[in-house]
Amino acid sequence: MRIRDFAVQTDVKPSTIRYYEKIGILPQALRTDNGYRAYRADDVERMRFVVRARSLEFSLDEIREILALRERGETPCAYVLGQIDGKLAEIDQRMAALEQMKTELRLLRSEAEALPLSAIEASDCICHLIENHLSSQRKLL
């Protein structure tokens, strides 16, 4: 099948397909007599795997390693489990950071509601709310 059909079947843009070939995520496509790229069913299967892995936030380097392990006849599952553990830890850290930011924003909102609007608008600073909040944060450190 040509790249256009391959793109439709995998829901991946032709430019991305060419890029994945260039960096070795996909093998170089066969070429027809007139020079068009020709893809096989196993190329579709591989691209669908790549798309699924990308949707799970696997990097191209991680995907390349998974594919290389499989091509060497090794089972990549142990490697994948290690990557999953790392991603879960990263998500936990990001969620904790977001919870902290949520707490700070709620505090800032409460502080803002306690101030008279005239005091905020008369300030010479860029934004009294943020600058005062930063000052109070520095005092805590």
Protein backbone atom coordinates (compact mmCIF):
# COMPACT_ATOMS: atom_id res chain seq x y z
CA MET A 1 0.00 0.00 0.00
CA ARG A 2 1.12 3.57 -0.61
CA ILE A 3 1.92 6.03 2.16
CA ARG A 4 -1.45 7.75 1.82
CA ASP A 5 -3.32 4.49 2.44
CA PHE A 6 -0.90 3.58 5.21
CA ALA A 7 -1.56 6.95 6.84
CA VAL A 8 -5.33 6.42 6.69
CA GLN A 9 -5.11 2.91 8.16
CA THR A 10 -2.86 4.00 11.03
CA ASP A 11 -4.21 7.54 11.54
CA VAL A 12 -0.67 8.91 11.30
CA LYS A 13 0.36 11.79 9.04
CA PRO A 14 2.62 10.91 6.09
CA SER A 15 5.26 13.34 7.35
CA THR A 16 5.34 11.47 10.68
CA ILE A 17 5.60 8.14 8.87
CA ARG A 18 8.57 9.41 6.85
CA TYR A 19 10.16 10.77 10.05
CA TYR A 20 9.71 7.44 11.86
CA GLU A 21 11.42 5.73 8.92
CA LYS A 22 14.26 8.24 9.03
CA ILE A 23 14.93 7.66 12.75
CA GLY A 24 14.51 3.87 12.59
CA ILE A 25 11.19 3.46 14.39
CA LEU A 26 9.80 2.03 11.15
CA PRO A 27 11.94 0.08 8.71
CA GLN A 28 12.62 1.75 5.38
CA ALA A 29 9.61 1.17 3.15
CA LEU A 30 9.98 -0.94 0.05
CA ARG A 31 9.90 1.06 -3.15
CA THR A 32 7.79 0.41 -6.22
CA ASP A 33 9.24 0.68 -9.72
CA ASN A 34 8.08 4.29 -9.92
CA GLY A 35 9.68 5.14 -6.53
CA TYR A 36 6.59 5.23 -4.34
CA ARG A 37 6.86 3.85 -0.83
CA ALA A 38 5.11 0.50 -0.41
CA TYR A 39 4.00 -0.72 3.01
CA ARG A 40 3.02 -4.19 4.20
CA ALA A 41 0.52 -5.39 6.79
CA ASP A 42 3.29 -5.91 9.37
CA ASP A 43 4.26 -2.24 8.92
CA VAL A 44 0.66 -1.32 9.86
CA GLU A 45 0.87 -3.51 12.95
CA ARG A 46 4.18 -1.94 13.98
CA MET A 47 2.84 1.59 13.48
CA ARG A 48 -0.23 0.82 15.54
CA PHE A 49 2.07 -0.40 18.31
CA VAL A 50 4.05 2.85 18.09
CA VAL A 51 0.86 4.93 18.22
CA ARG A 52 -0.35 3.03 21.29
CA ALA A 53 3.01 3.38 23.01
CA ARG A 54 3.08 7.12 22.27
CA SER A 55 -0.42 7.45 23.75
CA LEU A 56 1.02 5.96 26.96
CA GLU A 57 3.76 8.64 26.93
CA PHE A 58 6.58 6.32 25.86
CA SER A 59 9.30 8.36 24.20
CA LEU A 60 10.61 7.53 20.76
CA ASP A 61 13.87 6.36 22.35
CA GLU A 62 11.94 4.03 24.67
CA ILE A 63 9.91 2.70 21.74
CA ARG A 64 13.08 2.20 19.71
CA GLU A 65 14.55 0.17 22.60
CA ILE A 66 11.40 -1.98 22.91
CA LEU A 67 11.46 -2.69 19.18
CA ALA A 68 15.19 -3.44 19.24
CA LEU A 69 14.75 -5.91 22.08
CA ARG A 70 11.99 -7.69 20.17
CA GLU A 71 14.06 -7.73 16.97
CA ARG A 72 16.94 -9.38 18.88
CA GLY A 73 14.50 -12.08 19.96
CA GLU A 74 14.30 -10.83 23.54
CA THR A 75 11.11 -10.21 25.44
CA PRO A 76 10.87 -6.47 26.15
CA CYS A 77 8.33 -6.82 28.98
CA ALA A 78 10.85 -6.38 31.84
CA TYR A 79 12.14 -3.20 30.20
CA VAL A 80 8.56 -1.98 29.66
CA LEU A 81 7.65 -2.67 33.31
CA GLY A 82 10.63 -0.60 34.44
CA GLN A 83 9.54 2.26 32.21
CA ILE A 84 5.97 1.98 33.51
CA ASP A 85 7.22 2.18 37.11
CA GLY A 86 9.19 5.30 36.25
CA LYS A 87 6.19 6.90 34.54
CA LEU A 88 3.94 6.11 37.50
CA ALA A 89 6.45 7.73 39.89
CA GLU A 90 6.65 10.78 37.63
CA ILE A 91 2.85 11.06 37.52
CA ASP A 92 2.71 10.84 41.33
CA GLN A 93 5.26 13.68 41.57
CA ARG A 94 3.37 15.82 39.07
CA MET A 95 0.09 15.20 40.88
CA ALA A 96 1.65 16.19 44.21
CA ALA A 97 3.04 19.35 42.62
CA LEU A 98 -0.37 20.17 41.15
CA GLU A 99 -2.06 19.63 44.51
CA GLN A 100 0.49 22.01 46.09
CA MET A 101 -0.19 24.59 43.39
CA LYS A 102 -3.93 24.19 43.89
CA THR A 103 -3.49 24.83 47.62
CA GLU A 104 -1.37 27.92 46.94
CA LEU A 105 -3.86 29.30 44.42
CA ARG A 106 -6.74 28.83 46.84
CA LEU A 107 -4.74 30.59 49.54
CA LEU A 108 -3.93 33.43 47.16
CA ARG A 109 -7.61 33.69 46.21
CA SER A 110 -8.60 33.88 49.88
CA GLU A 111 -5.96 36.52 50.54
CA ALA A 112 -7.20 38.53 47.56
CA GLU A 113 -10.79 38.44 48.76
CA ALA A 114 -9.70 39.86 52.12
CA LEU A 115 -8.04 42.91 50.54
CA PRO A 116 -9.97 46.03 49.58
CA LEU A 117 -9.95 46.51 45.80
CA SER A 118 -8.77 50.11 46.18
CA ALA A 119 -5.59 48.93 47.93
CA ILE A 120 -4.80 46.51 45.11
CA GLU A 121 -5.46 48.99 42.30
CA ALA A 122 -3.44 51.77 43.95
CA SER A 123 -0.30 49.64 44.23
CA ASP A 124 2.78 50.62 42.20
CA CYS A 125 3.76 47.02 41.52
CA ILE A 126 2.77 44.91 38.52
CA CYS A 127 0.33 42.74 40.45
CA HIS A 128 0.07 43.17 44.18
CA LEU A 129 -1.50 39.73 44.67
CA ILE A 130 1.30 37.74 43.08
CA GLU A 131 4.14 39.87 44.39
CA ASN A 132 2.86 39.78 47.97
CA HIS A 133 2.31 36.06 47.68
CA LEU A 134 5.90 35.58 46.51
CA SER A 135 7.14 37.69 49.41
CA SER A 136 5.21 35.59 51.89
CA GLN A 137 6.56 32.42 50.29
CA ARG A 138 10.16 33.63 50.65
CA LYS A 139 9.60 34.30 54.34
CA LEU A 140 8.58 30.65 54.75
CA LEU A 141 11.84 29.48 53.19
